[in-house]
Amino acid sequence: FAGQAYRTAISSYVRALNDQGIYAVVEVHWSAPGSELARGQ
């Protein structure tokens, strides 16, 4: 669910939106510093 698999899935979804004439706003929602797992804002 991470790395290239995740990036490919998001990119494919954005392309599908664009194909329907819809713009996309890609935004960073969950993150975390250092070795912490990004479980929230």
All heavy atoms as atom14 arrays in JSON, in Angstrom:
{
  "sequence": "FAGQAYRTAISSYVRALNDQGIYAVVEVHWSAPGSELARGQ",
  "atom14_mask": [
    [1, 1, 1, 1, 1, 1, 1, 1, 1, 1, 1, 0, 0, 0],
    [1, 1, 1, 1, 1, 0, 0, 0, 0, 0, 0, 0, 0, 0],
    [1, 1, 1, 1, 0, 0, 0, 0, 0, 0, 0, 0, 0, 0],
    [1, 1, 1, 1, 1, 1, 1, 1, 1, 0, 0, 0, 0, 0],
    [1, 1, 1, 1, 1, 0, 0, 0, 0, 0, 0, 0, 0, 0],
    [1, 1, 1, 1, 1, 1, 1, 1, 1, 1, 1, 1, 0, 0],
    [1, 1, 1, 1, 1, 1, 1, 1, 1, 1, 1, 0, 0, 0],
    [1, 1, 1, 1, 1, 1, 1, 0, 0, 0, 0, 0, 0, 0],
    [1, 1, 1, 1, 1, 0, 0, 0, 0, 0, 0, 0, 0, 0],
    [1, 1, 1, 1, 1, 1, 1, 1, 0, 0, 0, 0, 0, 0],
    [1, 1, 1, 1, 1, 1, 0, 0, 0, 0, 0, 0, 0, 0],
    [1, 1, 1, 1, 1, 1, 0, 0, 0, 0, 0, 0, 0, 0],
    [1, 1, 1, 1, 1, 1, 1, 1, 1, 1, 1, 1, 0, 0],
    [1, 1, 1, 1, 1, 1, 1, 0, 0, 0, 0, 0, 0, 0],
    [1, 1, 1, 1, 1, 1, 1, 1, 1, 1, 1, 0, 0, 0],
    [1, 1, 1, 1, 1, 0, 0, 0, 0, 0, 0, 0, 0, 0],
    [1, 1, 1, 1, 1, 1, 1, 1, 0, 0, 0, 0, 0, 0],
    [1, 1, 1, 1, 1, 1, 1, 1, 0, 0, 0, 0, 0, 0],
    [1, 1, 1, 1, 1, 1, 1, 1, 0, 0, 0, 0, 0, 0],
    [1, 1, 1, 1, 1, 1, 1, 1, 1, 0, 0, 0, 0, 0],
    [1, 1, 1, 1, 0, 0, 0, 0, 0, 0, 0, 0, 0, 0],
    [1, 1, 1, 1, 1, 1, 1, 1, 0, 0, 0, 0, 0, 0],
    [1, 1, 1, 1, 1, 1, 1, 1, 1, 1, 1, 1, 0, 0],
    [1, 1, 1, 1, 1, 0, 0, 0, 0, 0, 0, 0, 0, 0],
    [1, 1, 1, 1, 1, 1, 1, 0, 0, 0, 0, 0, 0, 0],
    [1, 1, 1, 1, 1, 1, 1, 0, 0, 0, 0, 0, 0, 0],
    [1, 1, 1, 1, 1, 1, 1, 1, 1, 0, 0, 0, 0, 0],
    [1, 1, 1, 1, 1, 1, 1, 0, 0, 0, 0, 0, 0, 0],
    [1, 1, 1, 1, 1, 1, 1, 1, 1, 1, 0, 0, 0, 0],
    [1, 1, 1, 1, 1, 1, 1, 1, 1, 1, 1, 1, 1, 1],
    [1, 1, 1, 1, 1, 1, 0, 0, 0, 0, 0, 0, 0, 0],
    [1, 1, 1, 1, 1, 0, 0, 0, 0, 0, 0, 0, 0, 0],
    [1, 1, 1, 1, 1, 1, 1, 0, 0, 0, 0, 0, 0, 0],
    [1, 1, 1, 1, 0, 0, 0, 0, 0, 0, 0, 0, 0, 0],
    [1, 1, 1, 1, 1, 1, 0, 0, 0, 0, 0, 0, 0, 0],
    [1, 1, 1, 1, 1, 1, 1, 1, 1, 0, 0, 0, 0, 0],
    [1, 1, 1, 1, 1, 1, 1, 1, 0, 0, 0, 0, 0, 0],
    [1, 1, 1, 1, 1, 0, 0, 0, 0, 0, 0, 0, 0, 0],
    [1, 1, 1, 1, 1, 1, 1, 1, 1, 1, 1, 0, 0, 0],
    [1, 1, 1, 1, 0, 0, 0, 0, 0, 0, 0, 0, 0, 0],
    [1, 1, 1, 1, 1, 1, 1, 1, 1, 0, 0, 0, 0, 0]
  ],
  "atom14_positions": [
    [[0.81, -1.21, 0.0], [0.0, 0.0, 0.0], [0.85, 1.27, 0.0], [0.32, 2.36, 0.2], [-0.91, 0.03, 1.23], [-1.77, -1.18, 1.4], [-1.89, -1.8, 2.63], [-2.46, -1.71, 0.32], [-2.7, -2.92, 2.8], [-3.27, -2.83, 0.47], [-3.38, -3.44, 1.71], [0.0, 0.0, 0.0], [0.0, 0.0, 0.0], [0.0, 0.0, 0.0]],
    [[2.15, 1.14, -0.19], [3.05, 2.29, -0.02], [4.01, 2.42, -1.19], [4.12, 1.54, -2.05], [3.83, 2.15, 1.28], [0.0, 0.0, 0.0], [0.0, 0.0, 0.0], [0.0, 0.0, 0.0], [0.0, 0.0, 0.0], [0.0, 0.0, 0.0], [0.0, 0.0, 0.0], [0.0, 0.0, 0.0], [0.0, 0.0, 0.0], [0.0, 0.0, 0.0]],
    [[4.73, 3.54, -1.2], [5.76, 3.75, -2.2], [5.18, 3.76, -3.6], [4.19, 4.43, -3.88], [0.0, 0.0, 0.0], [0.0, 0.0, 0.0], [0.0, 0.0, 0.0], [0.0, 0.0, 0.0], [0.0, 0.0, 0.0], [0.0, 0.0, 0.0], [0.0, 0.0, 0.0], [0.0, 0.0, 0.0], [0.0, 0.0, 0.0], [0.0, 0.0, 0.0]],
    [[5.79, 2.98, -4.5], [5.39, 3.0, -5.9], [3.94, 2.57, -6.08], [3.22, 3.13, -6.91], [6.3, 2.1, -6.73], [6.07, 2.23, -8.23], [6.29, 3.66, -8.72], [7.34, 4.23, -8.51], [5.28, 4.23, -9.37], [0.0, 0.0, 0.0], [0.0, 0.0, 0.0], [0.0, 0.0, 0.0], [0.0, 0.0, 0.0], [0.0, 0.0, 0.0]],
    [[3.48, 1.6, -5.3], [2.08, 1.16, -5.42], [1.12, 2.31, -5.09], [0.12, 2.52, -5.79], [1.84, -0.03, -4.49], [0.0, 0.0, 0.0], [0.0, 0.0, 0.0], [0.0, 0.0, 0.0], [0.0, 0.0, 0.0], [0.0, 0.0, 0.0], [0.0, 0.0, 0.0], [0.0, 0.0, 0.0], [0.0, 0.0, 0.0], [0.0, 0.0, 0.0]],
    [[1.42, 3.05, -4.04], [0.59, 4.18, -3.63], [0.65, 5.3, -4.67], [-0.39, 5.85, -5.08], [1.06, 4.67, -2.26], [0.21, 5.76, -1.65], [-0.9, 5.44, -0.87], [0.55, 7.1, -1.8], [-1.67, 6.44, -0.28], [-0.21, 8.1, -1.21], [-1.32, 7.77, -0.45], [-2.07, 8.76, 0.14], [0.0, 0.0, 0.0], [0.0, 0.0, 0.0]],
    [[1.86, 5.63, -5.1], [2.02, 6.72, -6.06], [1.29, 6.4, -7.38], [0.66, 7.27, -7.99], [3.5, 6.99, -6.32], [4.23, 7.53, -5.09], [5.62, 8.02, -5.42], [6.53, 6.97, -5.84], [7.31, 6.27, -5.02], [7.27, 6.5, -3.7], [8.13, 5.35, -5.48], [0.0, 0.0, 0.0], [0.0, 0.0, 0.0], [0.0, 0.0, 0.0]],
    [[1.39, 5.15, -7.81], [0.71, 4.74, -9.04], [-0.8, 4.85, -8.9], [-1.5, 5.32, -9.81], [1.1, 3.31, -9.42], [2.51, 3.26, -9.67], [0.34, 2.83, -10.64], [0.0, 0.0, 0.0], [0.0, 0.0, 0.0], [0.0, 0.0, 0.0], [0.0, 0.0, 0.0], [0.0, 0.0, 0.0], [0.0, 0.0, 0.0], [0.0, 0.0, 0.0]],
    [[-1.32, 4.43, -7.73], [-2.77, 4.49, -7.5], [-3.28, 5.93, -7.5], [-4.31, 6.24, -8.11], [-3.12, 3.79, -6.19], [0.0, 0.0, 0.0], [0.0, 0.0, 0.0], [0.0, 0.0, 0.0], [0.0, 0.0, 0.0], [0.0, 0.0, 0.0], [0.0, 0.0, 0.0], [0.0, 0.0, 0.0], [0.0, 0.0, 0.0], [0.0, 0.0, 0.0]],
    [[-2.56, 6.81, -6.81], [-2.98, 8.21, -6.76], [-2.89, 8.85, -8.14], [-3.79, 9.57, -8.59], [-2.14, 8.99, -5.74], [-2.33, 8.42, -4.32], [-2.49, 10.48, -5.78], [-3.74, 8.49, -3.79], [0.0, 0.0, 0.0], [0.0, 0.0, 0.0], [0.0, 0.0, 0.0], [0.0, 0.0, 0.0], [0.0, 0.0, 0.0], [0.0, 0.0, 0.0]],
    [[-1.8, 8.59, -8.84], [-1.63, 9.16, -10.18], [-2.72, 8.66, -11.14], [-3.24, 9.43, -11.96], [-0.25, 8.8, -10.74], [0.77, 9.37, -9.94], [0.0, 0.0, 0.0], [0.0, 0.0, 0.0], [0.0, 0.0, 0.0], [0.0, 0.0, 0.0], [0.0, 0.0, 0.0], [0.0, 0.0, 0.0], [0.0, 0.0, 0.0], [0.0, 0.0, 0.0]],
    [[-3.08, 7.39, -11.03], [-4.13, 6.84, -11.89], [-5.48, 7.48, -11.59], [-6.27, 7.78, -12.51], [-4.23, 5.32, -11.71], [-3.03, 4.69, -12.13], [0.0, 0.0, 0.0], [0.0, 0.0, 0.0], [0.0, 0.0, 0.0], [0.0, 0.0, 0.0], [0.0, 0.0, 0.0], [0.0, 0.0, 0.0], [0.0, 0.0, 0.0], [0.0, 0.0, 0.0]],
    [[-5.75, 7.72, -10.32], [-7.0, 8.37, -9.93], [-7.06, 9.8, -10.46], [-8.08, 10.25, -10.99], [-7.16, 8.35, -8.42], [-8.47, 8.93, -7.94], [-9.68, 8.37, -8.32], [-8.49, 10.05, -7.12], [-10.88, 8.91, -7.88], [-9.68, 10.59, -6.67], [-10.88, 10.01, -7.06], [-12.07, 10.54, -6.64], [0.0, 0.0, 0.0], [0.0, 0.0, 0.0]],
    [[-5.96, 10.52, -10.34], [-5.91, 11.89, -10.85], [-6.14, 11.9, -12.36], [-6.88, 12.74, -12.89], [-4.58, 12.56, -10.47], [-4.37, 13.85, -11.24], [-4.53, 12.82, -8.97], [0.0, 0.0, 0.0], [0.0, 0.0, 0.0], [0.0, 0.0, 0.0], [0.0, 0.0, 0.0], [0.0, 0.0, 0.0], [0.0, 0.0, 0.0], [0.0, 0.0, 0.0]],
    [[-5.52, 10.96, -13.08], [-5.74, 10.88, -14.53], [-7.2, 10.6, -14.85], [-7.76, 11.16, -15.81], [-4.85, 9.8, -15.14], [-3.42, 10.23, -15.38], [-2.72, 9.28, -16.35], [-2.78, 7.9, -15.91], [-1.89, 7.36, -15.08], [-0.89, 8.08, -14.6], [-2.0, 6.08, -14.73], [0.0, 0.0, 0.0], [0.0, 0.0, 0.0], [0.0, 0.0, 0.0]],
    [[-7.83, 9.75, -14.06], [-9.24, 9.43, -14.29], [-10.11, 10.66, -14.07], [-11.09, 10.88, -14.81], [-9.67, 8.29, -13.37], [0.0, 0.0, 0.0], [0.0, 0.0, 0.0], [0.0, 0.0, 0.0], [0.0, 0.0, 0.0], [0.0, 0.0, 0.0], [0.0, 0.0, 0.0], [0.0, 0.0, 0.0], [0.0, 0.0, 0.0], [0.0, 0.0, 0.0]],
    [[-9.78, 11.47, -13.06], [-10.51, 12.72, -12.86], [-10.32, 13.65, -14.06], [-11.3, 14.2, -14.59], [-10.01, 13.42, -11.59], [-10.36, 12.78, -10.25], [-9.57, 13.44, -9.14], [-11.86, 12.88, -9.97], [0.0, 0.0, 0.0], [0.0, 0.0, 0.0], [0.0, 0.0, 0.0], [0.0, 0.0, 0.0], [0.0, 0.0, 0.0], [0.0, 0.0, 0.0]],
    [[-9.09, 13.8, -14.47], [-8.8, 14.68, -15.62], [-9.52, 14.21, -16.87], [-10.0, 15.03, -17.67], [-7.3, 14.73, -15.87], [-6.49, 15.43, -14.79], [-5.26, 15.34, -14.77], [-7.15, 16.12, -13.87], [0.0, 0.0, 0.0], [0.0, 0.0, 0.0], [0.0, 0.0, 0.0], [0.0, 0.0, 0.0], [0.0, 0.0, 0.0], [0.0, 0.0, 0.0]],
    [[-9.6, 12.91, -17.06], [-10.26, 12.36, -18.25], [-11.74, 12.72, -18.29], [-12.35, 12.75, -19.36], [-10.1, 10.84, -18.3], [-8.69, 10.41, -18.66], [-7.9, 11.26, -19.13], [-8.37, 9.22, -18.46], [0.0, 0.0, 0.0], [0.0, 0.0, 0.0], [0.0, 0.0, 0.0], [0.0, 0.0, 0.0], [0.0, 0.0, 0.0], [0.0, 0.0, 0.0]],
    [[-12.32, 12.98, -17.11], [-13.72, 13.39, -17.02], [-13.87, 14.92, -17.0], [-14.94, 15.45, -16.71], [-14.36, 12.8, -15.76], [-14.51, 11.3, -15.78], [-15.5, 10.82, -16.83], [-16.52, 11.46, -17.08], [-15.2, 9.69, -17.47], [0.0, 0.0, 0.0], [0.0, 0.0, 0.0], [0.0, 0.0, 0.0], [0.0, 0.0, 0.0], [0.0, 0.0, 0.0]],
    [[-12.78, 15.64, -17.3], [-12.83, 17.09, -17.33], [-12.78, 17.74, -15.97], [-13.2, 18.89, -15.81], [0.0, 0.0, 0.0], [0.0, 0.0, 0.0], [0.0, 0.0, 0.0], [0.0, 0.0, 0.0], [0.0, 0.0, 0.0], [0.0, 0.0, 0.0], [0.0, 0.0, 0.0], [0.0, 0.0, 0.0], [0.0, 0.0, 0.0], [0.0, 0.0, 0.0]],
    [[-12.25, 17.02, -14.98], [-12.21, 17.5, -13.59], [-10.77, 17.79, -13.21], [-9.89, 16.93, -13.37], [-12.83, 16.46, -12.64], [-14.31, 16.24, -12.98], [-12.68, 16.91, -11.19], [-14.96, 15.13, -12.18], [0.0, 0.0, 0.0], [0.0, 0.0, 0.0], [0.0, 0.0, 0.0], [0.0, 0.0, 0.0], [0.0, 0.0, 0.0], [0.0, 0.0, 0.0]],
    [[-10.52, 18.98, -12.68], [-9.2, 19.3, -12.15], [-8.99, 18.56, -10.84], [-9.95, 18.15, -10.18], [-9.08, 20.81, -11.89], [-8.96, 21.66, -13.12], [-10.09, 22.01, -13.87], [-7.72, 22.12, -13.54], [-9.98, 22.8, -15.0], [-7.6, 22.92, -14.67], [-8.74, 23.25, -15.39], [-8.63, 24.03, -16.51], [0.0, 0.0, 0.0], [0.0, 0.0, 0.0]],
    [[-7.73, 18.42, -10.45], [-7.39, 17.78, -9.18], [-6.51, 18.72, -8.36], [-5.63, 19.38, -8.91], [-6.67, 16.46, -9.41], [0.0, 0.0, 0.0], [0.0, 0.0, 0.0], [0.0, 0.0, 0.0], [0.0, 0.0, 0.0], [0.0, 0.0, 0.0], [0.0, 0.0, 0.0], [0.0, 0.0, 0.0], [0.0, 0.0, 0.0], [0.0, 0.0, 0.0]],
    [[-6.76, 18.75, -7.06], [-5.88, 19.42, -6.1], [-5.25, 18.32, -5.25], [-5.95, 17.67, -4.47], [-6.65, 20.41, -5.2], [-5.71, 21.0, -4.15], [-7.28, 21.51, -6.03], [0.0, 0.0, 0.0], [0.0, 0.0, 0.0], [0.0, 0.0, 0.0], [0.0, 0.0, 0.0], [0.0, 0.0, 0.0], [0.0, 0.0, 0.0], [0.0, 0.0, 0.0]],
    [[-3.97, 18.09, -5.42], [-3.26, 17.1, -4.6], [-2.75, 17.82, -3.35], [-2.07, 18.84, -3.45], [-2.1, 16.48, -5.38], [-1.29, 15.54, -4.49], [-2.62, 15.73, -6.6], [0.0, 0.0, 0.0], [0.0, 0.0, 0.0], [0.0, 0.0, 0.0], [0.0, 0.0, 0.0], [0.0, 0.0, 0.0], [0.0, 0.0, 0.0], [0.0, 0.0, 0.0]],
    [[-3.12, 17.31, -2.2], [-2.73, 17.99, -0.95], [-2.23, 16.99, 0.08], [-2.65, 15.83, 0.11], [-3.9, 18.8, -0.4], [-5.11, 18.0, 0.03], [-5.19, 17.74, 1.53], [-4.27, 18.15, 2.27], [-6.18, 17.12, 1.95], [0.0, 0.0, 0.0], [0.0, 0.0, 0.0], [0.0, 0.0, 0.0], [0.0, 0.0, 0.0], [0.0, 0.0, 0.0]],
    [[-1.31, 17.46, 0.93], [-0.77, 16.62, 2.0], [-1.65, 16.78, 3.23], [-1.78, 17.87, 3.78], [0.68, 17.01, 2.32], [1.2, 16.17, 3.48], [1.56, 16.81, 1.09], [0.0, 0.0, 0.0], [0.0, 0.0, 0.0], [0.0, 0.0, 0.0], [0.0, 0.0, 0.0], [0.0, 0.0, 0.0], [0.0, 0.0, 0.0], [0.0, 0.0, 0.0]],
    [[-2.25, 15.67, 3.65], [-3.23, 15.71, 4.74], [-2.68, 15.11, 6.04], [-2.82, 15.7, 7.1], [-4.48, 14.95, 4.3], [-5.75, 15.44, 4.93], [-6.45, 16.53, 4.43], [-6.44, 15.01, 6.0], [-7.52, 16.73, 5.18], [-7.54, 15.83, 6.13], [0.0, 0.0, 0.0], [0.0, 0.0, 0.0], [0.0, 0.0, 0.0], [0.0, 0.0, 0.0]],
    [[-2.08, 13.91, 5.93], [-1.49, 13.26, 7.11], [0.02, 13.18, 6.93], [0.51, 12.85, 5.85], [-2.06, 11.86, 7.29], [-3.44, 11.82, 7.89], [-4.29, 12.87, 8.05], [-4.11, 10.68, 8.41], [-5.46, 12.45, 8.62], [-5.38, 11.11, 8.86], [-3.77, 9.33, 8.52], [-6.31, 10.23, 9.43], [-4.69, 8.46, 9.09], [-5.94, 8.9, 9.55]],
    [[0.73, 13.48, 7.99], [2.19, 13.45, 7.96], [2.71, 13.24, 9.37], [1.94, 13.24, 10.33], [2.74, 14.78, 7.39], [2.34, 15.87, 8.21], [0.0, 0.0, 0.0], [0.0, 0.0, 0.0], [0.0, 0.0, 0.0], [0.0, 0.0, 0.0], [0.0, 0.0, 0.0], [0.0, 0.0, 0.0], [0.0, 0.0, 0.0], [0.0, 0.0, 0.0]],
    [[4.02, 13.06, 9.49], [4.64, 12.91, 10.81], [6.15, 13.06, 10.67], [6.71, 12.71, 9.63], [4.32, 11.54, 11.43], [0.0, 0.0, 0.0], [0.0, 0.0, 0.0], [0.0, 0.0, 0.0], [0.0, 0.0, 0.0], [0.0, 0.0, 0.0], [0.0, 0.0, 0.0], [0.0, 0.0, 0.0], [0.0, 0.0, 0.0], [0.0, 0.0, 0.0]],
    [[6.81, 13.57, 11.69], [8.26, 13.78, 11.6], [9.04, 12.5, 11.86], [8.56, 11.56, 12.51], [8.52, 14.8, 12.7], [7.46, 14.51, 13.73], [6.26, 14.1, 12.95], [0.0, 0.0, 0.0], [0.0, 0.0, 0.0], [0.0, 0.0, 0.0], [0.0, 0.0, 0.0], [0.0, 0.0, 0.0], [0.0, 0.0, 0.0], [0.0, 0.0, 0.0]],
    [[10.26, 12.46, 11.35], [11.2, 11.39, 11.67], [10.65, 10.01, 11.4], [10.1, 9.72, 10.34], [0.0, 0.0, 0.0], [0.0, 0.0, 0.0], [0.0, 0.0, 0.0], [0.0, 0.0, 0.0], [0.0, 0.0, 0.0], [0.0, 0.0, 0.0], [0.0, 0.0, 0.0], [0.0, 0.0, 0.0], [0.0, 0.0, 0.0], [0.0, 0.0, 0.0]],
    [[10.75, 9.15, 12.41], [10.32, 7.76, 12.28], [8.89, 7.52, 12.73], [8.42, 6.39, 12.75], [11.26, 6.85, 13.08], [11.23, 7.2, 14.46], [0.0, 0.0, 0.0], [0.0, 0.0, 0.0], [0.0, 0.0, 0.0], [0.0, 0.0, 0.0], [0.0, 0.0, 0.0], [0.0, 0.0, 0.0], [0.0, 0.0, 0.0], [0.0, 0.0, 0.0]],
    [[8.17, 8.59, 13.09], [6.77, 8.44, 13.49], [5.91, 8.06, 12.29], [6.13, 8.54, 11.18], [6.24, 9.74, 14.1], [6.86, 10.14, 15.42], [6.27, 11.43, 15.96], [5.08, 11.72, 15.64], [6.98, 12.15, 16.69], [0.0, 0.0, 0.0], [0.0, 0.0, 0.0], [0.0, 0.0, 0.0], [0.0, 0.0, 0.0], [0.0, 0.0, 0.0]],
    [[4.9, 7.24, 12.53], [3.97, 6.87, 11.48], [2.92, 7.97, 11.31], [2.39, 8.48, 12.3], [3.29, 5.55, 11.83], [2.36, 4.94, 10.77], [3.12, 4.65, 9.48], [1.72, 3.66, 11.3], [0.0, 0.0, 0.0], [0.0, 0.0, 0.0], [0.0, 0.0, 0.0], [0.0, 0.0, 0.0], [0.0, 0.0, 0.0], [0.0, 0.0, 0.0]],
    [[2.65, 8.33, 10.08], [1.72, 9.43, 9.79], [0.29, 8.96, 9.96], [-0.36, 8.49, 9.03], [1.96, 9.94, 8.37], [0.0, 0.0, 0.0], [0.0, 0.0, 0.0], [0.0, 0.0, 0.0], [0.0, 0.0, 0.0], [0.0, 0.0, 0.0], [0.0, 0.0, 0.0], [0.0, 0.0, 0.0], [0.0, 0.0, 0.0], [0.0, 0.0, 0.0]],
    [[-0.24, 9.14, 11.17], [-1.59, 8.7, 11.51], [-2.58, 9.85, 11.67], [-3.7, 9.64, 12.13], [-1.57, 7.87, 12.8], [-0.86, 6.53, 12.68], [-0.95, 5.76, 13.99], [-0.35, 4.45, 13.92], [-0.99, 3.34, 13.53], [-2.26, 3.42, 13.19], [-0.38, 2.18, 13.51], [0.0, 0.0, 0.0], [0.0, 0.0, 0.0], [0.0, 0.0, 0.0]],
    [[-2.18, 11.07, 11.36], [-3.1, 12.18, 11.52], [-2.47, 13.48, 11.07], [-1.38, 13.51, 10.51], [0.0, 0.0, 0.0], [0.0, 0.0, 0.0], [0.0, 0.0, 0.0], [0.0, 0.0, 0.0], [0.0, 0.0, 0.0], [0.0, 0.0, 0.0], [0.0, 0.0, 0.0], [0.0, 0.0, 0.0], [0.0, 0.0, 0.0], [0.0, 0.0, 0.0]],
    [[-3.19, 14.55, 11.35], [-2.72, 15.88, 10.99], [-1.72, 16.38, 12.02], [-1.95, 16.28, 13.22], [-3.88, 16.87, 10.92], [-4.88, 16.59, 9.82], [-5.87, 17.72, 9.67], [-5.52, 18.83, 9.28], [-7.13, 17.44, 9.97], [0.0, 0.0, 0.0], [0.0, 0.0, 0.0], [0.0, 0.0, 0.0], [0.0, 0.0, 0.0], [0.0, 0.0, 0.0]]
  ]
}
